Amino acid sequence: MARRYHPDVCSPSTREESTRMFVELHRAYETLSDPASRRRYDYELGLVGSGSGHRGSGFERERWEEQLRGLWWRSEARRMRRTK
């Protein structure tokens, strides 16, 4: 994506938008490649901890547990069909 939005590679008509995207991609790379910044970012998204008390927790613990139960039941049903 960095190559795609690099200001030196894009057409003159899209240079401004490409420059903005390139800077945004660079910031994302810096955040995700640094372990401390990545932990802070994950915490702010609510991906670390119990899910309660974290701001921005799009997937709360209950939601994850519900999805895991659904996967377990499908797996169990598949296993039971194979053993019959």
PDB file of N, CA and C in Angstrom:
ATOM      1  N   MET A   1       0.817  -1.182   0.000  1.00  0.00           N
ATOM      2  CA  MET A   1       0.000   0.000   0.000  1.00  0.00           C
ATOM      3  C   MET A   1       0.869   1.258   0.000  1.00  0.00           C
ATOM      4  N   ALA A   2       2.022   1.174   0.659  1.00  0.00           N
ATOM      5  CA  ALA A   2       2.909   2.338   0.681  1.00  0.00           C
ATOM      6  C   ALA A   2       3.355   2.691  -0.732  1.00  0.00           C
ATOM      7  N   ARG A   3       3.658   1.688  -1.532  1.00  0.00           N
ATOM      8  CA  ARG A   3       4.049   1.953  -2.918  1.00  0.00           C
ATOM      9  C   ARG A   3       2.895   2.547  -3.717  1.00  0.00           C
ATOM     10  N   ARG A   4       1.731   2.020  -3.469  1.00  0.00           N
ATOM     11  CA  ARG A   4       0.549   2.480  -4.204  1.00  0.00           C
ATOM     12  C   ARG A   4       0.266   3.952  -3.939  1.00  0.00           C
ATOM     13  N   TYR A   5       0.445   4.394  -2.690  1.00  0.00           N
ATOM     14  CA  TYR A   5       0.114   5.773  -2.331  1.00  0.00           C
ATOM     15  C   TYR A   5       1.332   6.685  -2.214  1.00  0.00           C
ATOM     16  N   HIS A   6       2.494   6.210  -2.581  1.00  0.00           N
ATOM     17  CA  HIS A   6       3.691   7.052  -2.483  1.00  0.00           C
ATOM     18  C   HIS A   6       3.540   8.264  -3.413  1.00  0.00           C
ATOM     19  N   PRO A   7       3.783   9.479  -2.886  1.00  0.00           N
ATOM     20  CA  PRO A   7       3.589  10.695  -3.698  1.00  0.00           C
ATOM     21  C   PRO A   7       4.449  10.752  -4.960  1.00  0.00           C
ATOM     22  N   ASP A   8       5.588  10.087  -4.959  1.00  0.00           N
ATOM     23  CA  ASP A   8       6.448  10.110  -6.142  1.00  0.00           C
ATOM     24  C   ASP A   8       5.952   9.186  -7.250  1.00  0.00           C
ATOM     25  N   VAL A   9       5.073   8.264  -6.929  1.00  0.00           N
ATOM     26  CA  VAL A   9       4.610   7.273  -7.899  1.00  0.00           C
ATOM     27  C   VAL A   9       3.235   7.619  -8.469  1.00  0.00           C
ATOM     28  N   CYS A  10       2.434   8.325  -7.715  1.00  0.00           N
ATOM     29  CA  CYS A  10       1.058   8.588  -8.136  1.00  0.00           C
ATOM     30  C   CYS A  10       0.994   9.654  -9.233  1.00  0.00           C
ATOM     31  N   SER A  11      -0.159   9.740  -9.835  1.00  0.00           N
ATOM     32  CA  SER A  11      -0.352  10.756 -10.878  1.00  0.00           C
ATOM     33  C   SER A  11      -0.521  12.132 -10.220  1.00  0.00           C
ATOM     34  N   PRO A  12      -0.195  13.185 -10.924  1.00  0.00           N
ATOM     35  CA  PRO A  12      -0.320  14.540 -10.359  1.00  0.00           C
ATOM     36  C   PRO A  12      -1.739  14.872  -9.881  1.00  0.00           C
ATOM     37  N   SER A  13      -2.735  14.310 -10.536  1.00  0.00           N
ATOM     38  CA  SER A  13      -4.122  14.613 -10.152  1.00  0.00           C
ATOM     39  C   SER A  13      -4.511  14.014  -8.801  1.00  0.00           C
ATOM     40  N   THR A  14      -3.814  12.971  -8.376  1.00  0.00           N
ATOM     41  CA  THR A  14      -4.140  12.328  -7.093  1.00  0.00           C
ATOM     42  C   THR A  14      -3.044  12.526  -6.047  1.00  0.00           C
ATOM     43  N   ARG A  15      -2.118  13.416  -6.313  1.00  0.00           N
ATOM     44  CA  ARG A  15      -0.963  13.592  -5.423  1.00  0.00           C
ATOM     45  C   ARG A  15      -1.357  13.992  -4.004  1.00  0.00           C
ATOM     46  N   GLU A  16      -2.280  14.913  -3.858  1.00  0.00           N
ATOM     47  CA  GLU A  16      -2.670  15.383  -2.523  1.00  0.00           C
ATOM     48  C   GLU A  16      -3.281  14.252  -1.697  1.00  0.00           C
ATOM     49  N   GLU A  17      -4.225  13.538  -2.277  1.00  0.00           N
ATOM     50  CA  GLU A  17      -4.860  12.414  -1.579  1.00  0.00           C
ATOM     51  C   GLU A  17      -3.849  11.304  -1.308  1.00  0.00           C
ATOM     52  N   SER A  18      -2.992  11.015  -2.269  1.00  0.00           N
ATOM     53  CA  SER A  18      -1.973   9.986  -2.088  1.00  0.00           C
ATOM     54  C   SER A  18      -1.006  10.353  -0.977  1.00  0.00           C
ATOM     55  N   THR A  19      -0.637  11.606  -0.887  1.00  0.00           N
ATOM     56  CA  THR A  19       0.270  12.051   0.175  1.00  0.00           C
ATOM     57  C   THR A  19      -0.373  11.865   1.536  1.00  0.00           C
ATOM     58  N   ARG A  20      -1.650  12.225   1.639  1.00  0.00           N
ATOM     59  CA  ARG A  20      -2.375  12.052   2.904  1.00  0.00           C
ATOM     60  C   ARG A  20      -2.431  10.580   3.299  1.00  0.00           C
ATOM     61  N   MET A  21      -2.759   9.715   2.361  1.00  0.00           N
ATOM     62  CA  MET A  21      -2.829   8.275   2.630  1.00  0.00           C
ATOM     63  C   MET A  21      -1.456   7.712   2.992  1.00  0.00           C
ATOM     64  N   PHE A  22      -0.425   8.170   2.302  1.00  0.00           N
ATOM     65  CA  PHE A  22       0.929   7.698   2.568  1.00  0.00           C
ATOM     66  C   PHE A  22       1.349   8.042   4.000  1.00  0.00           C
ATOM     67  N   VAL A  23       1.060   9.258   4.427  1.00  0.00           N
ATOM     68  CA  VAL A  23       1.391   9.675   5.799  1.00  0.00           C
ATOM     69  C   VAL A  23       0.608   8.837   6.812  1.00  0.00           C
ATOM     70  N   GLU A  24      -0.658   8.583   6.531  1.00  0.00           N
ATOM     71  CA  GLU A  24      -1.485   7.764   7.418  1.00  0.00           C
ATOM     72  C   GLU A  24      -0.942   6.332   7.503  1.00  0.00           C
ATOM     73  N   LEU A  25      -0.558   5.765   6.370  1.00  0.00           N
ATOM     74  CA  LEU A  25       0.025   4.421   6.356  1.00  0.00           C
ATOM     75  C   LEU A  25       1.331   4.373   7.136  1.00  0.00           C
ATOM     76  N   HIS A  26       2.130   5.406   7.002  1.00  0.00           N
ATOM     77  CA  HIS A  26       3.400   5.461   7.718  1.00  0.00           C
ATOM     78  C   HIS A  26       3.163   5.494   9.230  1.00  0.00           C
ATOM     79  N   ARG A  27       2.198   6.295   9.663  1.00  0.00           N
ATOM     80  CA  ARG A  27       1.870   6.341  11.100  1.00  0.00           C
ATOM     81  C   ARG A  27       1.383   4.985  11.596  1.00  0.00           C
ATOM     82  N   ALA A  28       0.543   4.326  10.821  1.00  0.00           N
ATOM     83  CA  ALA A  28       0.037   3.007  11.203  1.00  0.00           C
ATOM     84  C   ALA A  28       1.183   2.011  11.320  1.00  0.00           C
ATOM     85  N   TYR A  29       2.099   2.030  10.370  1.00  0.00           N
ATOM     86  CA  TYR A  29       3.245   1.122  10.398  1.00  0.00           C
ATOM     87  C   TYR A  29       4.086   1.372  11.646  1.00  0.00           C
ATOM     88  N   GLU A  30       4.346   2.648  11.957  1.00  0.00           N
ATOM     89  CA  GLU A  30       5.140   2.968  13.141  1.00  0.00           C
ATOM     90  C   GLU A  30       4.461   2.461  14.410  1.00  0.00           C
ATOM     91  N   THR A  31       3.152   2.627  14.507  1.00  0.00           N
ATOM     92  CA  THR A  31       2.415   2.186  15.687  1.00  0.00           C
ATOM     93  C   THR A  31       2.439   0.673  15.818  1.00  0.00           C
ATOM     94  N   LEU A  32       2.167  -0.020  14.740  1.00  0.00           N
ATOM     95  CA  LEU A  32       2.049  -1.474  14.806  1.00  0.00           C
ATOM     96  C   LEU A  32       3.395  -2.191  14.872  1.00  0.00           C
ATOM     97  N   SER A  33       4.464  -1.538  14.442  1.00  0.00           N
ATOM     98  CA  SER A  33       5.775  -2.197  14.472  1.00  0.00           C
ATOM     99  C   SER A  33       6.498  -1.996  15.802  1.00  0.00           C
ATOM    100  N   ASP A  34       6.040  -1.065  16.627  1.00  0.00           N
ATOM    101  CA  ASP A  34       6.641  -0.832  17.941  1.00  0.00           C
ATOM    102  C   ASP A  34       5.800  -1.557  18.992  1.00  0.00           C
ATOM    103  N   PRO A  35       6.376  -2.537  19.722  1.00  0.00           N
ATOM    104  CA  PRO A  35       5.579  -3.317  20.672  1.00  0.00           C
ATOM    105  C   PRO A  35       4.849  -2.475  21.718  1.00  0.00           C
ATOM    106  N   ALA A  36       5.470  -1.445  22.261  1.00  0.00           N
ATOM    107  CA  ALA A  36       4.818  -0.612  23.276  1.00  0.00           C
ATOM    108  C   ALA A  36       3.653   0.167  22.664  1.00  0.00           C
ATOM    109  N   SER A  37       3.865   0.736  21.490  1.00  0.00           N
ATOM    110  CA  SER A  37       2.788   1.471  20.820  1.00  0.00           C
ATOM    111  C   SER A  37       1.656   0.533  20.438  1.00  0.00           C
ATOM    112  N   ARG A  38       2.006  -0.669  20.017  1.00  0.00           N
ATOM    113  CA  ARG A  38       0.989  -1.657  19.630  1.00  0.00           C
ATOM    114  C   ARG A  38       0.129  -2.054  20.826  1.00  0.00           C
ATOM    115  N   ARG A  39       0.773  -2.274  21.991  1.00  0.00           N
ATOM    116  CA  ARG A  39       0.014  -2.611  23.201  1.00  0.00           C
ATOM    117  C   ARG A  39      -0.937  -1.475  23.574  1.00  0.00           C
ATOM    118  N   ARG A  40      -0.454  -0.248  23.498  1.00  0.00           N
ATOM    119  CA  ARG A  40      -1.283   0.911  23.828  1.00  0.00           C
ATOM    120  C   ARG A  40      -2.463   1.015  22.847  1.00  0.00           C
ATOM    121  N   TYR A  41      -2.183   0.800  21.574  1.00  0.00           N
ATOM    122  CA  TYR A  41      -3.230   0.843  20.552  1.00  0.00           C
ATOM    123  C   TYR A  41      -4.276  -0.245  20.803  1.00  0.00           C
ATOM    124  N   ASP A  42      -3.822  -1.472  21.068  1.00  0.00           N
ATOM    125  CA  ASP A  42      -4.747  -2.564  21.353  1.00  0.00           C
ATOM    126  C   ASP A  42      -5.583  -2.272  22.597  1.00  0.00           C
ATOM    127  N   TYR A  43      -4.952  -1.707  23.627  1.00  0.00           N
ATOM    128  CA  TYR A  43      -5.654  -1.368  24.848  1.00  0.00           C
ATOM    129  C   TYR A  43      -6.750  -0.338  24.567  1.00  0.00           C
ATOM    130  N   GLU A  44      -6.419   0.678  23.788  1.00  0.00           N
ATOM    131  CA  GLU A  44      -7.390   1.719  23.471  1.00  0.00           C
ATOM    132  C   GLU A  44      -8.560   1.180  22.652  1.00  0.00           C
ATOM    133  N   LEU A  45      -8.315   0.160  21.855  1.00  0.00           N
ATOM    134  CA  LEU A  45      -9.401  -0.460  21.086  1.00  0.00           C
ATOM    135  C   LEU A  45     -10.236  -1.409  21.931  1.00  0.00           C
ATOM    136  N   GLY A  46      -9.720  -1.745  23.110  1.00  0.00           N
ATOM    137  CA  GLY A  46     -10.437  -2.681  23.963  1.00  0.00           C
ATOM    138  C   GLY A  46     -10.098  -4.121  23.656  1.00  0.00           C
ATOM    139  N   LEU A  47      -8.966  -4.367  23.001  1.00  0.00           N
ATOM    140  CA  LEU A  47      -8.585  -5.729  22.650  1.00  0.00           C
ATOM    141  C   LEU A  47      -7.774  -6.404  23.741  1.00  0.00           C
ATOM    142  N   VAL A  48      -7.426  -5.647  24.786  1.00  0.00           N
ATOM    143  CA  VAL A  48      -6.632  -6.189  25.883  1.00  0.00           C
ATOM    144  C   VAL A  48      -7.455  -6.094  27.141  1.00  0.00           C
ATOM    145  N   GLY A  49      -7.424  -7.104  27.966  1.00  0.00           N
ATOM    146  CA  GLY A  49      -8.141  -7.069  29.230  1.00  0.00           C
ATOM    147  C   GLY A  49      -9.491  -7.748  29.129  1.00  0.00           C
ATOM    148  N   SER A  50     -10.315  -7.500  30.121  1.00  0.00           N
ATOM    149  CA  SER A  50     -11.596  -8.202  30.226  1.00  0.00           C
ATOM    150  C   SER A  50     -12.681  -7.634  29.328  1.00  0.00           C
ATOM    151  N   GLY A  51     -12.458  -6.458  28.770  1.00  0.00           N
ATOM    152  CA  GLY A  51     -13.470  -5.854  27.916  1.00  0.00           C
ATOM    153  C   GLY A  51     -14.301  -4.821  28.650  1.00  0.00           C
ATOM    154  N   SER A  52     -14.443  -4.943  29.964  1.00  0.00           N
ATOM    155  CA  SER A  52     -15.196  -3.935  30.695  1.00  0.00           C
ATOM    156  C   SER A  52     -14.251  -2.859  31.186  1.00  0.00           C
ATOM    157  N   GLY A  53     -14.693  -1.640  31.102  1.00  0.00           N
ATOM    158  CA  GLY A  53     -13.875  -0.533  31.551  1.00  0.00           C
ATOM    159  C   GLY A  53     -12.921  -0.004  30.504  1.00  0.00           C
ATOM    160  N   HIS A  54     -12.892  -0.604  29.337  1.00  0.00           N
ATOM    161  CA  HIS A  54     -12.014  -0.120  28.267  1.00  0.00           C
ATOM    162  C   HIS A  54     -12.853   0.645  27.271  1.00  0.00           C
ATOM    163  N   ARG A  55     -12.375   1.790  26.867  1.00  0.00           N
ATOM    164  CA  ARG A  55     -13.127   2.559  25.883  1.00  0.00           C
ATOM    165  C   ARG A  55     -12.916   1.962  24.494  1.00  0.00           C
ATOM    166  N   GLY A  56     -13.917   2.063  23.684  1.00  0.00           N
ATOM    167  CA  GLY A  56     -13.821   1.610  22.309  1.00  0.00           C
ATOM    168  C   GLY A  56     -13.824   0.104  22.137  1.00  0.00           C
ATOM    169  N   SER A  57     -14.358  -0.633  23.099  1.00  0.00           N
ATOM    170  CA  SER A  57     -14.320  -2.084  22.983  1.00  0.00           C
ATOM    171  C   SER A  57     -15.434  -2.553  22.055  1.00  0.00           C
ATOM    172  N   GLY A  58     -15.121  -2.650  20.775  1.00  0.00           N
ATOM    173  CA  GLY A  58     -16.086  -3.072  19.784  1.00  0.00           C
ATOM    174  C   GLY A  58     -16.517  -4.518  19.970  1.00  0.00           C
ATOM    175  N   PHE A  59     -15.614  -5.363  20.376  1.00  0.00           N
ATOM    176  CA  PHE A  59     -15.934  -6.756  20.651  1.00  0.00           C
ATOM    177  C   PHE A  59     -15.724  -6.990  22.135  1.00  0.00           C
ATOM    178  N   GLU A  60     -16.811  -7.020  22.863  1.00  0.00           N
ATOM    179  CA  GLU A  60     -16.711  -7.241  24.286  1.00  0.00           C
ATOM    180  C   GLU A  60     -16.502  -8.719  24.563  1.00  0.00           C
ATOM    181  N   ARG A  61     -16.102  -9.020  25.774  1.00  0.00           N
ATOM    182  CA  ARG A  61     -15.811 -10.398  26.166  1.00  0.00           C
ATOM    183  C   ARG A  61     -17.009 -11.316  25.903  1.00  0.00           C
ATOM    184  N   GLU A  62     -18.206 -10.831  26.223  1.00  0.00           N
ATOM    185  CA  GLU A  62     -19.401 -11.664  26.034  1.00  0.00           C
ATOM    186  C   GLU A  62     -19.585 -12.032  24.564  1.00  0.00           C
ATOM    187  N   ARG A  63     -19.293 -11.098  23.687  1.00  0.00           N
ATOM    188  CA  ARG A  63     -19.435 -11.356  22.247  1.00  0.00           C
ATOM    189  C   ARG A  63     -18.456 -12.438  21.798  1.00  0.00           C
ATOM    190  N   TRP A  64     -17.200 -12.335  22.255  1.00  0.00           N
ATOM    191  CA  TRP A  64     -16.198 -13.343  21.907  1.00  0.00           C
ATOM    192  C   TRP A  64     -16.609 -14.706  22.438  1.00  0.00           C
ATOM    193  N   GLU A  65     -17.080 -14.735  23.677  1.00  0.00           N
ATOM    194  CA  GLU A  65     -17.488 -16.015  24.269  1.00  0.00           C
ATOM    195  C   GLU A  65     -18.665 -16.618  23.513  1.00  0.00           C
ATOM    196  N   GLU A  66     -19.607 -15.779  23.100  1.00  0.00           N
ATOM    197  CA  GLU A  66     -20.737 -16.251  22.312  1.00  0.00           C
ATOM    198  C   GLU A  66     -20.270 -16.865  20.993  1.00  0.00           C
ATOM    199  N   GLN A  67     -19.328 -16.220  20.333  1.00  0.00           N
ATOM    200  CA  GLN A  67     -18.791 -16.747  19.077  1.00  0.00           C
ATOM    201  C   GLN A  67     -18.051 -18.058  19.313  1.00  0.00           C
ATOM    202  N   LEU A  68     -17.287 -18.141  20.379  1.00  0.00           N
ATOM    203  CA  LEU A  68     -16.569 -19.387  20.680  1.00  0.00           C
ATOM    204  C   LEU A  68     -17.538 -20.525  20.985  1.00  0.00           C
ATOM    205  N   ARG A  69     -18.625 -20.233  21.721  1.00  0.00           N
ATOM    206  CA  ARG A  69     -19.625 -21.273  21.990  1.00  0.00           C
ATOM    207  C   ARG A  69     -20.244 -21.768  20.692  1.00  0.00           C
ATOM    208  N   GLY A  70     -20.547 -20.837  19.783  1.00  0.00           N
ATOM    209  CA  GLY A  70     -21.111 -21.232  18.497  1.00  0.00           C
ATOM    210  C   GLY A  70     -20.168 -22.116  17.706  1.00  0.00           C
ATOM    211  N   LEU A  71     -18.887 -21.774  17.705  1.00  0.00           N
ATOM    212  CA  LEU A  71     -17.892 -22.606  17.019  1.00  0.00           C
ATOM    213  C   LEU A  71     -17.781 -23.972  17.670  1.00  0.00           C
ATOM    214  N   TRP A  72     -17.826 -24.000  19.000  1.00  0.00           N
ATOM    215  CA  TRP A  72     -17.722 -25.280  19.708  1.00  0.00           C
ATOM    216  C   TRP A  72     -18.907 -26.170  19.347  1.00  0.00           C
ATOM    217  N   TRP A  73     -20.135 -25.602  19.347  1.00  0.00           N
ATOM    218  CA  TRP A  73     -21.314 -26.408  19.032  1.00  0.00           C
ATOM    219  C   TRP A  73     -21.265 -26.935  17.595  1.00  0.00           C
ATOM    220  N   ARG A  74     -20.812 -26.116  16.662  1.00  0.00           N
ATOM    221  CA  ARG A  74     -20.697 -26.601  15.279  1.00  0.00           C
ATOM    222  C   ARG A  74     -19.668 -27.716  15.169  1.00  0.00           C
ATOM    223  N   SER A  75     -18.561 -27.549  15.868  1.00  0.00           N
ATOM    224  CA  SER A  75     -17.525 -28.569  15.859  1.00  0.00           C
ATOM    225  C   SER A  75     -18.039 -29.864  16.488  1.00  0.00           C
ATOM    226  N   GLU A  76     -18.745 -29.721  17.571  1.00  0.00           N
ATOM    227  CA  GLU A  76     -19.297 -30.899  18.259  1.00  0.00           C
ATOM    228  C   GLU A  76     -20.313 -31.619  17.370  1.00  0.00           C
ATOM    229  N   ALA A  77     -21.170 -30.856  16.689  1.00  0.00           N
ATOM    230  CA  ALA A  77     -22.160 -31.464  15.804  1.00  0.00           C
ATOM    231  C   ALA A  77     -21.468 -32.200  14.654  1.00  0.00           C
ATOM    232  N   ARG A  78     -20.417 -31.620  14.117  1.00  0.00           N
ATOM    233  CA  ARG A  78     -19.667 -32.247  13.031  1.00  0.00           C
ATOM    234  C   ARG A  78     -19.011 -33.536  13.523  1.00  0.00           C
ATOM    235  N   ARG A  79     -18.468 -33.486  14.724  1.00  0.00           N
ATOM    236  CA  ARG A  79     -17.827 -34.681  15.301  1.00  0.00           C
ATOM    237  C   ARG A  79     -18.850 -35.794  15.501  1.00  0.00           C
ATOM    238  N   MET A  80     -20.031 -35.428  15.968  1.00  0.00           N
ATOM    239  CA  MET A  80     -21.086 -36.431  16.222  1.00  0.00           C
ATOM    240  C   MET A  80     -21.556 -37.069  14.907  1.00  0.00           C
ATOM    241  N   ARG A  81     -21.644 -36.266  13.832  1.00  0.00           N
ATOM    242  CA  ARG A  81     -22.061 -36.823  12.537  1.00  0.00           C
ATOM    243  C   ARG A  81     -21.027 -37.817  12.028  1.00  0.00           C
ATOM    244  N   ARG A  82     -19.771 -37.564  12.275  1.00  0.00           N
ATOM    245  CA  ARG A  82     -18.702 -38.469  11.808  1.00  0.00           C
ATOM    246  C   ARG A  82     -18.687 -39.781  12.576  1.00  0.00           C
ATOM    247  N   THR A  83     -19.084 -39.761  13.832  1.00  0.00           N
ATOM    248  CA  THR A  83     -19.006 -40.975  14.659  1.00  0.00           C
ATOM    249  C   THR A  83     -20.210 -41.876  14.484  1.00  0.00           C
ATOM    250  N   LYS A  84     -21.256 -41.421  13.787  1.00  0.00           N
ATOM    251  CA  LYS A  84     -22.463 -42.252  13.590  1.00  0.00           C
ATOM    252  C   LYS A  84     -22.293 -43.256  12.514  1.00  0.00           C
TER     253      LYS A  84
END
